[in-house]
Amino acid sequence: MKKNKIIILTLTLLFSANLAVDAQTLVERAFLSMPDEYYLSLSHKKRREMLDAFRTDTAAMVQNRFGGQSRILQLDEANNFLSVQNSKSGTVQLKVLTTNDSTAYVALVFTACAPVCDAHIGFYDSSWQLLRTSLLQAVSINDFLDEEKIKADGKNLQTVVEQFDIIFLQYDFIGNDIQTKLNSKHFMEADNYKQLQPYLRSETVLFKWKNGKYAKE
């Protein structure tokens, strides 16, 4: 009888563990399977602890490797999106993208604000191998400029481009799409930016997720 109880208990534990794995969304699996070298602040163990804590307390924090506090800001299961407040000045966004043939990719965005916010985005396959060809073209100041306006005013495009010698970009997901924000106004001299602002179409550019890659709208 005792042996039967042990067998039943073992099977129950195994079944519960399988249910827990099955219950994980694509983005949660990607977050937990991310190699530690890609995310120095939080080990696999700490990431799992953070997810478990978030289920019961959305404001729960865990201590990261650098002595700071990290917490999940948003877990959008429907859109396979996760964002983490990594530190007082940094955030991490993770997004799982799928194509029509069910191929899955992972987008990883690190943003640091010191104080101007600037971000880096990378794309990986489902095994966390960096894609040789990015799903998003390299974004430059040209993507924000109104070239027709510049030419109409008799200005040289390259001269205008060179005045934005350093650009700070921010990436935010809207569903599967990416909105890229230009943060240069927070870095440049106010008078210089005021002179250049008329030559910007907008301070944001939307890239639409189409046919397995991003295209500028």
Protein backbone atom coordinates (compact mmCIF):
# COMPACT_ATOMS: atom_id res chain seq x y z
CA MET A 1 0.00 0.00 0.00
CA LYS A 2 2.85 2.33 0.94
CA LYS A 3 4.58 1.55 -2.38
CA ASN A 4 1.40 2.42 -4.29
CA LYS A 5 1.16 5.77 -2.50
CA ILE A 6 4.77 6.57 -3.48
CA ILE A 7 4.04 5.71 -7.12
CA ILE A 8 0.87 7.82 -7.13
CA LEU A 9 2.70 10.77 -5.52
CA THR A 10 5.55 10.51 -8.05
CA LEU A 11 3.13 10.44 -10.98
CA THR A 12 1.23 13.40 -9.54
CA LEU A 13 4.43 15.45 -9.24
CA LEU A 14 5.49 14.57 -12.78
CA PHE A 15 2.04 15.42 -14.13
CA SER A 16 2.07 18.76 -12.28
CA ALA A 17 5.53 19.57 -13.65
CA ASN A 18 4.39 18.82 -17.20
CA LEU A 19 1.35 21.03 -16.74
CA ALA A 20 3.60 23.86 -15.55
CA VAL A 21 5.78 23.55 -18.65
CA ASP A 22 2.78 23.35 -20.96
CA ALA A 23 1.26 26.40 -19.28
CA GLN A 24 4.27 28.53 -20.18
CA THR A 25 3.71 30.85 -23.10
CA LEU A 26 6.18 31.21 -25.97
CA VAL A 27 7.60 34.40 -24.50
CA GLU A 28 8.04 32.85 -21.05
CA ARG A 29 9.88 29.88 -22.57
CA ALA A 30 12.10 32.24 -24.54
CA PHE A 31 12.81 34.31 -21.42
CA LEU A 32 13.80 31.23 -19.41
CA SER A 33 15.84 29.60 -22.17
CA MET A 34 17.85 32.76 -22.93
CA PRO A 35 21.57 32.07 -22.35
CA ASP A 36 22.95 33.83 -19.27
CA GLU A 37 25.62 35.57 -21.37
CA TYR A 38 22.86 37.46 -23.17
CA TYR A 39 21.37 38.68 -19.92
CA LEU A 40 24.08 39.35 -17.37
CA SER A 41 21.78 40.90 -14.77
CA LEU A 42 19.54 37.90 -14.15
CA SER A 43 20.47 34.23 -14.13
CA HIS A 44 18.07 31.54 -15.34
CA LYS A 45 17.18 30.81 -11.71
CA LYS A 46 16.39 34.47 -10.99
CA ARG A 47 14.31 34.79 -14.14
CA ARG A 48 12.20 31.80 -13.12
CA GLU A 49 11.87 33.25 -9.62
CA MET A 50 10.74 36.55 -11.14
CA LEU A 51 8.07 34.89 -13.30
CA ASP A 52 6.75 32.85 -10.38
CA ALA A 53 6.61 35.95 -8.18
CA PHE A 54 4.83 37.97 -10.87
CA ARG A 55 2.01 35.42 -10.95
CA THR A 56 1.09 36.28 -7.36
CA ASP A 57 2.32 39.87 -7.09
CA THR A 58 2.77 42.02 -10.20
CA ALA A 59 4.96 44.44 -8.23
CA ALA A 60 7.31 41.72 -6.95
CA MET A 61 11.03 42.39 -7.29
CA VAL A 62 14.09 40.14 -7.30
CA GLN A 63 17.68 41.10 -6.63
CA ASN A 64 19.88 41.07 -9.73
CA ARG A 65 23.57 40.21 -9.98
CA PHE A 66 24.60 43.84 -9.58
CA GLY A 67 22.78 44.31 -6.29
CA GLY A 68 19.85 46.22 -7.77
CA GLN A 69 16.19 45.31 -8.00
CA SER A 70 14.49 44.00 -11.13
CA ARG A 71 10.84 43.32 -11.83
CA ILE A 72 8.48 42.44 -14.66
CA LEU A 73 6.68 45.49 -16.02
CA GLN A 74 4.42 43.71 -18.49
CA LEU A 75 3.66 40.15 -19.50
CA ASP A 76 1.38 40.16 -22.54
CA GLU A 77 0.70 36.51 -23.24
CA ALA A 78 -1.59 37.20 -26.20
CA ASN A 79 1.16 39.13 -28.03
CA ASN A 80 4.07 37.06 -26.69
CA PHE A 81 5.68 40.15 -25.19
CA LEU A 82 7.58 40.65 -21.94
CA SER A 83 9.22 43.76 -20.51
CA VAL A 84 11.44 43.98 -17.44
CA GLN A 85 12.60 46.93 -15.37
CA ASN A 86 16.19 45.79 -15.19
CA SER A 87 17.44 48.69 -13.07
CA LYS A 88 16.50 52.29 -12.29
CA SER A 89 17.82 53.35 -15.70
CA GLY A 90 17.46 50.23 -17.83
CA THR A 91 14.73 48.04 -19.31
CA VAL A 92 14.62 44.83 -21.32
CA GLN A 93 11.95 43.90 -23.85
CA LEU A 94 11.51 40.41 -25.27
CA LYS A 95 9.15 39.64 -28.11
CA VAL A 96 8.48 36.32 -29.88
CA LEU A 97 7.61 36.72 -33.55
CA THR A 98 6.11 33.99 -35.70
CA THR A 99 5.81 33.71 -39.48
CA ASN A 100 3.13 32.13 -41.65
CA ASP A 101 5.07 28.85 -41.70
CA SER A 102 5.27 28.89 -37.86
CA THR A 103 8.96 29.80 -37.73
CA ALA A 104 9.66 31.59 -34.46
CA TYR A 105 12.13 34.42 -33.90
CA VAL A 106 13.02 36.32 -30.75
CA ALA A 107 13.56 40.07 -30.63
CA LEU A 108 15.57 41.35 -27.66
CA VAL A 109 15.77 45.05 -26.81
CA PHE A 110 18.01 46.59 -24.16
CA THR A 111 17.33 50.24 -23.32
CA ALA A 112 19.51 52.41 -21.08
CA CYS A 113 18.65 55.96 -20.00
CA ALA A 114 21.64 57.92 -18.78
CA PRO A 115 19.79 60.23 -18.93
CA VAL A 116 19.00 60.14 -22.69
CA CYS A 117 17.39 56.82 -23.58
CA ASP A 118 19.20 54.72 -26.18
CA ALA A 119 18.46 51.14 -27.18
CA HIS A 120 20.02 48.14 -28.90
CA ILE A 121 17.91 45.54 -30.69
CA GLY A 122 18.92 42.04 -31.75
CA PHE A 123 17.10 39.14 -33.42
CA TYR A 124 17.60 35.44 -32.70
CA ASP A 125 16.23 32.11 -33.83
CA SER A 126 14.35 29.83 -31.44
CA SER A 127 17.66 28.33 -30.26
CA TRP A 128 19.01 31.78 -29.36
CA GLN A 129 21.43 31.92 -32.27
CA LEU A 130 21.94 35.47 -33.51
CA LEU A 131 20.49 35.89 -37.00
CA ARG A 132 23.09 36.72 -39.63
CA THR A 133 20.62 38.95 -41.38
CA SER A 134 18.63 41.23 -39.10
CA LEU A 135 14.84 41.29 -39.46
CA LEU A 136 15.00 45.08 -39.12
CA GLN A 137 17.14 47.30 -41.32
CA ALA A 138 19.73 49.48 -39.60
CA VAL A 139 17.83 52.61 -38.59
CA SER A 140 19.53 55.93 -39.35
CA ILE A 141 18.68 59.62 -39.20
CA ASN A 142 17.69 59.40 -42.87
CA ASP A 143 14.62 57.40 -41.87
CA PHE A 144 13.31 60.44 -40.00
CA LEU A 145 14.25 63.19 -42.46
CA ASP A 146 11.96 64.89 -44.95
CA GLU A 147 14.26 64.90 -47.98
CA GLU A 148 11.79 66.84 -50.15
CA LYS A 149 11.59 69.63 -47.58
CA ILE A 150 15.38 69.76 -47.32
CA LYS A 151 15.79 70.06 -51.09
CA ALA A 152 12.96 72.60 -51.35
CA ASP A 153 14.80 74.81 -48.86
CA GLY A 154 18.00 74.55 -50.87
CA LYS A 155 19.78 72.57 -48.18
CA ASN A 156 22.26 69.78 -48.76
CA LEU A 157 20.96 66.44 -47.44
CA GLN A 158 24.38 65.23 -46.33
CA THR A 159 25.03 68.48 -44.46
CA VAL A 160 21.78 68.06 -42.52
CA VAL A 161 22.59 64.40 -41.82
CA GLU A 162 26.02 65.31 -40.45
CA GLN A 163 24.50 67.76 -37.97
CA PHE A 164 22.84 64.77 -36.31
CA ASP A 165 26.31 63.41 -35.54
CA ILE A 166 25.05 61.18 -32.72
CA ILE A 167 21.55 59.76 -32.65
CA PHE A 168 19.75 58.07 -29.79
CA LEU A 169 17.02 55.59 -30.67
CA GLN A 170 14.32 53.87 -28.68
CA TYR A 171 12.35 50.79 -29.81
CA ASP A 172 8.83 49.98 -28.63
CA PHE A 173 6.55 47.17 -29.76
CA ILE A 174 3.02 47.89 -30.89
CA GLY A 175 1.60 44.43 -31.40
CA ASN A 176 4.10 42.84 -33.80
CA ASP A 177 5.21 46.20 -35.20
CA ILE A 178 8.12 48.31 -33.96
CA GLN A 179 7.93 52.02 -33.35
CA THR A 180 11.33 53.68 -33.42
CA LYS A 181 11.69 56.96 -31.56
CA LEU A 182 14.40 59.56 -32.13
CA ASN A 183 15.65 60.96 -28.82
CA SER A 184 18.30 63.35 -30.15
CA LYS A 185 16.48 66.45 -28.94
CA HIS A 186 17.34 65.46 -25.38
CA PHE A 187 21.06 65.44 -26.27
CA MET A 188 21.57 68.25 -28.77
CA GLU A 189 21.79 71.94 -27.99
CA ALA A 190 18.24 73.30 -27.99
CA ASP A 191 18.95 75.98 -30.61
CA ASN A 192 20.62 73.49 -32.97
CA TYR A 193 17.74 71.06 -32.67
CA LYS A 194 15.19 73.83 -33.23
CA GLN A 195 16.87 74.67 -36.55
CA LEU A 196 16.87 71.05 -37.68
CA GLN A 197 13.43 70.01 -36.42
CA PRO A 198 11.56 71.38 -39.51
CA TYR A 199 13.44 68.80 -41.59
CA LEU A 200 12.11 65.87 -39.60
CA ARG A 201 9.00 64.12 -40.89
CA SER A 202 8.40 62.90 -37.36
CA GLU A 203 10.30 61.86 -34.26
CA THR A 204 8.89 58.35 -34.64
CA VAL A 205 8.99 55.83 -37.48
CA LEU A 206 6.83 52.70 -37.63
CA PHE A 207 8.17 49.44 -39.02
CA LYS A 208 5.49 46.89 -39.90
CA TRP A 209 5.95 43.15 -39.46
CA LYS A 210 5.36 41.71 -42.95
CA ASN A 211 6.33 38.37 -44.45
CA GLY A 212 8.87 37.52 -41.79
CA LYS A 213 10.68 40.85 -41.59
CA TYR A 214 10.14 44.52 -40.82
CA ALA A 215 9.32 47.09 -43.49
CA LYS A 216 9.20 50.84 -43.02
CA GLU A 217 5.65 52.14 -43.33
